Amino acid sequence: PMSQRATDVSGVMLAGGVASLPVGGSLALVLYAV
C-alpha cells in the first residue's frame, strides 16, 4: 500500500524500464555482432 502519487510514479518507472529493454537489447545485439 502506498499513496496515489507513489503508485503513479512507480507505474511510470516500470513503463520506462520495460520501454528501455528493446532499445538496450537491440544495441547490445548490434555491438556483439560487430
PDB file of all heavy atoms in Angstrom:
ATOM      1  N   PRO A   1       0.830  -1.201   0.000  1.00  0.00           N
ATOM      2  CA  PRO A   1       0.000   0.000   0.000  1.00  0.00           C
ATOM      3  C   PRO A   1       0.864   1.250   0.000  1.00  0.00           C
ATOM      4  O   PRO A   1       1.861   1.329   0.717  1.00  0.00           O
ATOM      5  CB  PRO A   1      -0.816  -0.125   1.293  1.00  0.00           C
ATOM      6  CG  PRO A   1      -0.069  -1.080   2.131  1.00  0.00           C
ATOM      7  CD  PRO A   1       0.687  -1.974   1.228  1.00  0.00           C
ATOM      8  N   MET A   2       0.498   2.198  -0.841  1.00  0.00           N
ATOM      9  CA  MET A   2       1.244   3.450  -0.933  1.00  0.00           C
ATOM     10  C   MET A   2       0.315   4.543  -1.436  1.00  0.00           C
ATOM     11  O   MET A   2      -0.810   4.270  -1.849  1.00  0.00           O
ATOM     12  CB  MET A   2       2.465   3.299  -1.830  1.00  0.00           C
ATOM     13  CG  MET A   2       2.192   2.827  -3.241  1.00  0.00           C
ATOM     14  SD  MET A   2       3.704   2.642  -4.168  1.00  0.00           S
ATOM     15  CE  MET A   2       3.731   0.892  -4.418  1.00  0.00           C
ATOM     16  N   SER A   3       0.811   5.762  -1.420  1.00  0.00           N
ATOM     17  CA  SER A   3      -0.005   6.892  -1.840  1.00  0.00           C
ATOM     18  C   SER A   3      -0.253   6.837  -3.349  1.00  0.00           C
ATOM     19  O   SER A   3       0.432   6.124  -4.086  1.00  0.00           O
ATOM     20  CB  SER A   3       0.692   8.205  -1.479  1.00  0.00           C
ATOM     21  OG  SER A   3       1.850   8.368  -2.277  1.00  0.00           O
ATOM     22  N   GLN A   4      -1.231   7.636  -3.794  1.00  0.00           N
ATOM     23  CA  GLN A   4      -1.558   7.656  -5.222  1.00  0.00           C
ATOM     24  C   GLN A   4      -0.378   8.187  -6.032  1.00  0.00           C
ATOM     25  O   GLN A   4      -0.077   7.687  -7.107  1.00  0.00           O
ATOM     26  CB  GLN A   4      -2.798   8.521  -5.457  1.00  0.00           C
ATOM     27  CG  GLN A   4      -3.259   8.544  -6.903  1.00  0.00           C
ATOM     28  CD  GLN A   4      -3.676   7.174  -7.403  1.00  0.00           C
ATOM     29  OE1 GLN A   4      -4.363   6.457  -6.692  1.00  0.00           O
ATOM     30  NE2 GLN A   4      -3.265   6.801  -8.589  1.00  0.00           N
ATOM     31  N   ARG A   5       0.313   9.206  -5.500  1.00  0.00           N
ATOM     32  CA  ARG A   5       1.464   9.770  -6.221  1.00  0.00           C
ATOM     33  C   ARG A   5       2.566   8.728  -6.353  1.00  0.00           C
ATOM     34  O   ARG A   5       3.171   8.583  -7.406  1.00  0.00           O
ATOM     35  CB  ARG A   5       1.966  11.000  -5.482  1.00  0.00           C
ATOM     36  CG  ARG A   5       3.110  11.714  -6.177  1.00  0.00           C
ATOM     37  CD  ARG A   5       3.365  13.055  -5.516  1.00  0.00           C
ATOM     38  NE  ARG A   5       4.437  13.903  -5.803  1.00  0.00           N
ATOM     39  CZ  ARG A   5       5.434  13.815  -6.626  1.00  0.00           C
ATOM     40  NH1 ARG A   5       5.544  12.792  -7.372  1.00  0.00           N
ATOM     41  NH2 ARG A   5       6.361  14.725  -6.773  1.00  0.00           N
ATOM     42  N   ALA A   6       2.826   7.982  -5.277  1.00  0.00           N
ATOM     43  CA  ALA A   6       3.861   6.953  -5.325  1.00  0.00           C
ATOM     44  C   ALA A   6       3.466   5.841  -6.293  1.00  0.00           C
ATOM     45  O   ALA A   6       4.310   5.314  -7.022  1.00  0.00           O
ATOM     46  CB  ALA A   6       4.102   6.386  -3.938  1.00  0.00           C
ATOM     47  N   THR A   7       2.184   5.500  -6.326  1.00  0.00           N
ATOM     48  CA  THR A   7       1.715   4.482  -7.264  1.00  0.00           C
ATOM     49  C   THR A   7       1.899   4.950  -8.705  1.00  0.00           C
ATOM     50  O   THR A   7       2.349   4.191  -9.563  1.00  0.00           O
ATOM     51  CB  THR A   7       0.234   4.166  -6.997  1.00  0.00           C
ATOM     52  OG1 THR A   7       0.098   3.764  -5.645  1.00  0.00           O
ATOM     53  CG2 THR A   7      -0.260   3.068  -7.900  1.00  0.00           C
ATOM     54  N   ASP A   8       1.569   6.217  -8.976  1.00  0.00           N
ATOM     55  CA  ASP A   8       1.735   6.760 -10.326  1.00  0.00           C
ATOM     56  C   ASP A   8       3.204   6.779 -10.744  1.00  0.00           C
ATOM     57  O   ASP A   8       3.552   6.395 -11.854  1.00  0.00           O
ATOM     58  CB  ASP A   8       1.156   8.170 -10.405  1.00  0.00           C
ATOM     59  CG  ASP A   8      -0.350   8.192 -10.226  1.00  0.00           C
ATOM     60  OD1 ASP A   8      -0.975   7.119 -10.383  1.00  0.00           O
ATOM     61  OD2 ASP A   8      -0.891   9.266  -9.914  1.00  0.00           O
ATOM     62  N   VAL A   9       4.065   7.212  -9.831  1.00  0.00           N
ATOM     63  CA  VAL A   9       5.498   7.288 -10.154  1.00  0.00           C
ATOM     64  C   VAL A   9       6.068   5.893 -10.387  1.00  0.00           C
ATOM     65  O   VAL A   9       6.855   5.680 -11.307  1.00  0.00           O
ATOM     66  CB  VAL A   9       6.253   8.031  -9.030  1.00  0.00           C
ATOM     67  CG1 VAL A   9       7.748   7.893  -9.193  1.00  0.00           C
ATOM     68  CG2 VAL A   9       5.862   9.494  -9.021  1.00  0.00           C
ATOM     69  N   SER A  10       5.667   4.919  -9.563  1.00  0.00           N
ATOM     70  CA  SER A  10       6.197   3.565  -9.757  1.00  0.00           C
ATOM     71  C   SER A  10       5.695   2.969 -11.073  1.00  0.00           C
ATOM     72  O   SER A  10       6.427   2.243 -11.743  1.00  0.00           O
ATOM     73  CB  SER A  10       5.814   2.667  -8.586  1.00  0.00           C
ATOM     74  OG  SER A  10       4.417   2.431  -8.582  1.00  0.00           O
ATOM     75  N   GLY A  11       4.470   3.290 -11.453  1.00  0.00           N
ATOM     76  CA  GLY A  11       3.974   2.828 -12.750  1.00  0.00           C
ATOM     77  C   GLY A  11       4.761   3.420 -13.906  1.00  0.00           C
ATOM     78  O   GLY A  11       5.074   2.724 -14.877  1.00  0.00           O
ATOM     79  N   VAL A  12       5.104   4.708 -13.799  1.00  0.00           N
ATOM     80  CA  VAL A  12       5.910   5.349 -14.852  1.00  0.00           C
ATOM     81  C   VAL A  12       7.305   4.734 -14.903  1.00  0.00           C
ATOM     82  O   VAL A  12       7.858   4.501 -15.982  1.00  0.00           O
ATOM     83  CB  VAL A  12       5.980   6.872 -14.606  1.00  0.00           C
ATOM     84  CG1 VAL A  12       7.014   7.528 -15.503  1.00  0.00           C
ATOM     85  CG2 VAL A  12       4.625   7.504 -14.825  1.00  0.00           C
ATOM     86  N   MET A  13       7.879   4.446 -13.725  1.00  0.00           N
ATOM     87  CA  MET A  13       9.211   3.829 -13.712  1.00  0.00           C
ATOM     88  C   MET A  13       9.182   2.433 -14.328  1.00  0.00           C
ATOM     89  O   MET A  13      10.094   2.064 -15.074  1.00  0.00           O
ATOM     90  CB  MET A  13       9.749   3.772 -12.277  1.00  0.00           C
ATOM     91  CG  MET A  13      10.165   5.121 -11.744  1.00  0.00           C
ATOM     92  SD  MET A  13      11.049   5.046 -10.177  1.00  0.00           S
ATOM     93  CE  MET A  13       9.797   4.446  -9.084  1.00  0.00           C
ATOM     94  N   LEU A  14       8.148   1.669 -14.014  1.00  0.00           N
ATOM     95  CA  LEU A  14       8.039   0.335 -14.617  1.00  0.00           C
ATOM     96  C   LEU A  14       7.876   0.424 -16.125  1.00  0.00           C
ATOM     97  O   LEU A  14       8.493  -0.341 -16.874  1.00  0.00           O
ATOM     98  CB  LEU A  14       6.858  -0.414 -14.000  1.00  0.00           C
ATOM     99  CG  LEU A  14       7.046  -0.927 -12.576  1.00  0.00           C
ATOM    100  CD1 LEU A  14       5.742  -1.469 -12.038  1.00  0.00           C
ATOM    101  CD2 LEU A  14       8.121  -1.983 -12.534  1.00  0.00           C
ATOM    102  N   ALA A  15       7.054   1.355 -16.592  1.00  0.00           N
ATOM    103  CA  ALA A  15       6.858   1.513 -18.033  1.00  0.00           C
ATOM    104  C   ALA A  15       8.149   1.956 -18.707  1.00  0.00           C
ATOM    105  O   ALA A  15       8.486   1.481 -19.801  1.00  0.00           O
ATOM    106  CB  ALA A  15       5.745   2.526 -18.305  1.00  0.00           C
ATOM    107  N   GLY A  16       8.902   2.857 -18.069  1.00  0.00           N
ATOM    108  CA  GLY A  16      10.177   3.291 -18.635  1.00  0.00           C
ATOM    109  C   GLY A  16      11.187   2.158 -18.699  1.00  0.00           C
ATOM    110  O   GLY A  16      11.940   2.031 -19.666  1.00  0.00           O
ATOM    111  N   GLY A  17      11.203   1.332 -17.656  1.00  0.00           N
ATOM    112  CA  GLY A  17      12.117   0.193 -17.664  1.00  0.00           C
ATOM    113  C   GLY A  17      11.778  -0.807 -18.749  1.00  0.00           C
ATOM    114  O   GLY A  17      12.659  -1.322 -19.447  1.00  0.00           O
ATOM    115  N   VAL A  18      10.490  -1.071 -18.918  1.00  0.00           N
ATOM    116  CA  VAL A  18      10.072  -2.008 -19.959  1.00  0.00           C
ATOM    117  C   VAL A  18      10.339  -1.427 -21.334  1.00  0.00           C
ATOM    118  O   VAL A  18      10.747  -2.131 -22.264  1.00  0.00           O
ATOM    119  CB  VAL A  18       8.581  -2.370 -19.776  1.00  0.00           C
ATOM    120  CG1 VAL A  18       8.040  -3.116 -20.965  1.00  0.00           C
ATOM    121  CG2 VAL A  18       8.409  -3.200 -18.520  1.00  0.00           C
ATOM    122  N   ALA A  19      10.146  -0.097 -21.489  1.00  0.00           N
ATOM    123  CA  ALA A  19      10.372   0.534 -22.787  1.00  0.00           C
ATOM    124  C   ALA A  19      11.853   0.564 -23.160  1.00  0.00           C
ATOM    125  O   ALA A  19      12.195   0.613 -24.347  1.00  0.00           O
ATOM    126  CB  ALA A  19       9.816   1.954 -22.789  1.00  0.00           C
ATOM    127  N   SER A  20      12.740   0.535 -22.156  1.00  0.00           N
ATOM    128  CA  SER A  20      14.170   0.579 -22.474  1.00  0.00           C
ATOM    129  C   SER A  20      14.727  -0.786 -22.863  1.00  0.00           C
ATOM    130  O   SER A  20      15.830  -0.870 -23.414  1.00  0.00           O
ATOM    131  CB  SER A  20      14.944   1.128 -21.280  1.00  0.00           C
ATOM    132  OG  SER A  20      14.917   0.200 -20.221  1.00  0.00           O
ATOM    133  N   LEU A  21      14.012  -1.853 -22.588  1.00  0.00           N
ATOM    134  CA  LEU A  21      14.522  -3.191 -22.913  1.00  0.00           C
ATOM    135  C   LEU A  21      14.747  -3.410 -24.413  1.00  0.00           C
ATOM    136  O   LEU A  21      15.808  -3.900 -24.795  1.00  0.00           O
ATOM    137  CB  LEU A  21      13.589  -4.259 -22.354  1.00  0.00           C
ATOM    138  CG  LEU A  21      13.672  -4.473 -20.849  1.00  0.00           C
ATOM    139  CD1 LEU A  21      12.626  -5.476 -20.405  1.00  0.00           C
ATOM    140  CD2 LEU A  21      15.046  -4.937 -20.453  1.00  0.00           C
ATOM    141  N   PRO A  22      13.813  -3.077 -25.295  1.00  0.00           N
ATOM    142  CA  PRO A  22      14.071  -3.322 -26.714  1.00  0.00           C
ATOM    143  C   PRO A  22      15.248  -2.517 -27.256  1.00  0.00           C
ATOM    144  O   PRO A  22      16.048  -3.015 -28.055  1.00  0.00           O
ATOM    145  CB  PRO A  22      12.775  -2.905 -27.415  1.00  0.00           C
ATOM    146  CG  PRO A  22      11.743  -2.857 -26.370  1.00  0.00           C
ATOM    147  CD  PRO A  22      12.444  -2.613 -25.081  1.00  0.00           C
ATOM    148  N   VAL A  23      15.364  -1.270 -26.797  1.00  0.00           N
ATOM    149  CA  VAL A  23      16.463  -0.429 -27.276  1.00  0.00           C
ATOM    150  C   VAL A  23      17.800  -0.987 -26.811  1.00  0.00           C
ATOM    151  O   VAL A  23      18.750  -1.134 -27.602  1.00  0.00           O
ATOM    152  CB  VAL A  23      16.269   1.025 -26.792  1.00  0.00           C
ATOM    153  CG1 VAL A  23      17.459   1.882 -27.175  1.00  0.00           C
ATOM    154  CG2 VAL A  23      14.989   1.600 -27.353  1.00  0.00           C
ATOM    155  N   GLY A  24      17.889  -1.308 -25.513  1.00  0.00           N
ATOM    156  CA  GLY A  24      19.140  -1.837 -24.983  1.00  0.00           C
ATOM    157  C   GLY A  24      19.497  -3.190 -25.567  1.00  0.00           C
ATOM    158  O   GLY A  24      20.667  -3.473 -25.873  1.00  0.00           O
ATOM    159  N   GLY A  25      18.480  -4.043 -25.725  1.00  0.00           N
ATOM    160  CA  GLY A  25      18.741  -5.366 -26.306  1.00  0.00           C
ATOM    161  C   GLY A  25      19.202  -5.287 -27.746  1.00  0.00           C
ATOM    162  O   GLY A  25      20.141  -5.981 -28.149  1.00  0.00           O
ATOM    163  N   SER A  26      18.573  -4.417 -28.527  1.00  0.00           N
ATOM    164  CA  SER A  26      18.993  -4.297 -29.928  1.00  0.00           C
ATOM    165  C   SER A  26      20.375  -3.674 -30.030  1.00  0.00           C
ATOM    166  O   SER A  26      21.193  -4.075 -30.868  1.00  0.00           O
ATOM    167  CB  SER A  26      17.972  -3.487 -30.729  1.00  0.00           C
ATOM    168  OG  SER A  26      17.846  -2.188 -30.181  1.00  0.00           O
ATOM    169  N   LEU A  27      20.695  -2.700 -29.173  1.00  0.00           N
ATOM    170  CA  LEU A  27      22.030  -2.098 -29.184  1.00  0.00           C
ATOM    171  C   LEU A  27      23.079  -3.133 -28.794  1.00  0.00           C
ATOM    172  O   LEU A  27      24.148  -3.219 -29.433  1.00  0.00           O
ATOM    173  CB  LEU A  27      22.070  -0.911 -28.219  1.00  0.00           C
ATOM    174  CG  LEU A  27      23.405  -0.194 -28.105  1.00  0.00           C
ATOM    175  CD1 LEU A  27      23.773   0.462 -29.418  1.00  0.00           C
ATOM    176  CD2 LEU A  27      23.359   0.830 -26.998  1.00  0.00           C
ATOM    177  N   ALA A  28      22.801  -3.929 -27.772  1.00  0.00           N
ATOM    178  CA  ALA A  28      23.750  -4.963 -27.365  1.00  0.00           C
ATOM    179  C   ALA A  28      23.939  -5.999 -28.465  1.00  0.00           C
ATOM    180  O   ALA A  28      25.061  -6.464 -28.713  1.00  0.00           O
ATOM    181  CB  ALA A  28      23.269  -5.632 -26.084  1.00  0.00           C
ATOM    182  N   LEU A  29      22.880  -6.361 -29.140  1.00  0.00           N
ATOM    183  CA  LEU A  29      22.981  -7.323 -30.232  1.00  0.00           C
ATOM    184  C   LEU A  29      23.820  -6.774 -31.384  1.00  0.00           C
ATOM    185  O   LEU A  29      24.654  -7.490 -31.942  1.00  0.00           O
ATOM    186  CB  LEU A  29      21.569  -7.694 -30.720  1.00  0.00           C
ATOM    187  CG  LEU A  29      21.504  -8.783 -31.787  1.00  0.00           C
ATOM    188  CD1 LEU A  29      22.054 -10.087 -31.224  1.00  0.00           C
ATOM    189  CD2 LEU A  29      20.081  -8.973 -32.260  1.00  0.00           C
ATOM    190  N   VAL A  30      23.613  -5.514 -31.717  1.00  0.00           N
ATOM    191  CA  VAL A  30      24.401  -4.896 -32.801  1.00  0.00           C
ATOM    192  C   VAL A  30      25.863  -4.838 -32.414  1.00  0.00           C
ATOM    193  O   VAL A  30      26.755  -5.189 -33.214  1.00  0.00           O
ATOM    194  CB  VAL A  30      23.847  -3.499 -33.135  1.00  0.00           C
ATOM    195  CG1 VAL A  30      24.820  -2.720 -34.007  1.00  0.00           C
ATOM    196  CG2 VAL A  30      22.496  -3.610 -33.814  1.00  0.00           C
ATOM    197  N   LEU A  31      26.151  -4.389 -31.181  1.00  0.00           N
ATOM    198  CA  LEU A  31      27.550  -4.293 -30.764  1.00  0.00           C
ATOM    199  C   LEU A  31      28.205  -5.671 -30.684  1.00  0.00           C
ATOM    200  O   LEU A  31      29.383  -5.835 -31.027  1.00  0.00           O
ATOM    201  CB  LEU A  31      27.643  -3.592 -29.407  1.00  0.00           C
ATOM    202  CG  LEU A  31      27.345  -2.090 -29.423  1.00  0.00           C
ATOM    203  CD1 LEU A  31      27.380  -1.539 -28.015  1.00  0.00           C
ATOM    204  CD2 LEU A  31      28.342  -1.362 -30.307  1.00  0.00           C
ATOM    205  N   TYR A  32      27.470  -6.681 -30.245  1.00  0.00           N
ATOM    206  CA  TYR A  32      28.018  -8.021 -30.186  1.00  0.00           C
ATOM    207  C   TYR A  32      28.287  -8.561 -31.592  1.00  0.00           C
ATOM    208  O   TYR A  32      29.311  -9.206 -31.840  1.00  0.00           O
ATOM    209  CB  TYR A  32      27.062  -8.950 -29.435  1.00  0.00           C
ATOM    210  CG  TYR A  32      27.571 -10.355 -29.310  1.00  0.00           C
ATOM    211  CD1 TYR A  32      28.582 -10.664 -28.413  1.00  0.00           C
ATOM    212  CD2 TYR A  32      27.060 -11.370 -30.113  1.00  0.00           C
ATOM    213  CE1 TYR A  32      29.065 -11.954 -28.302  1.00  0.00           C
ATOM    214  CE2 TYR A  32      27.537 -12.658 -30.014  1.00  0.00           C
ATOM    215  CZ  TYR A  32      28.539 -12.949 -29.108  1.00  0.00           C
ATOM    216  OH  TYR A  32      29.008 -14.231 -29.019  1.00  0.00           O
ATOM    217  N   ALA A  33      27.372  -8.273 -32.502  1.00  0.00           N
ATOM    218  CA  ALA A  33      27.553  -8.759 -33.867  1.00  0.00           C
ATOM    219  C   ALA A  33      28.739  -8.085 -34.538  1.00  0.00           C
ATOM    220  O   ALA A  33      29.462  -8.706 -35.318  1.00  0.00           O
ATOM    221  CB  ALA A  33      26.280  -8.515 -34.678  1.00  0.00           C
ATOM    222  N   VAL A  34      28.950  -6.821 -34.239  1.00  0.00           N
ATOM    223  CA  VAL A  34      30.068  -6.101 -34.850  1.00  0.00           C
ATOM    224  C   VAL A  34      31.388  -6.519 -34.213  1.00  0.00           C
ATOM    225  O   VAL A  34      32.437  -6.457 -34.842  1.00  0.00           O
ATOM    226  CB  VAL A  34      29.829  -4.578 -34.732  1.00  0.00           C
ATOM    227  CG1 VAL A  34      31.033  -3.790 -35.186  1.00  0.00           C
ATOM    228  CG2 VAL A  34      28.614  -4.173 -35.536  1.00  0.00           C
TER     229      VAL A  34
END
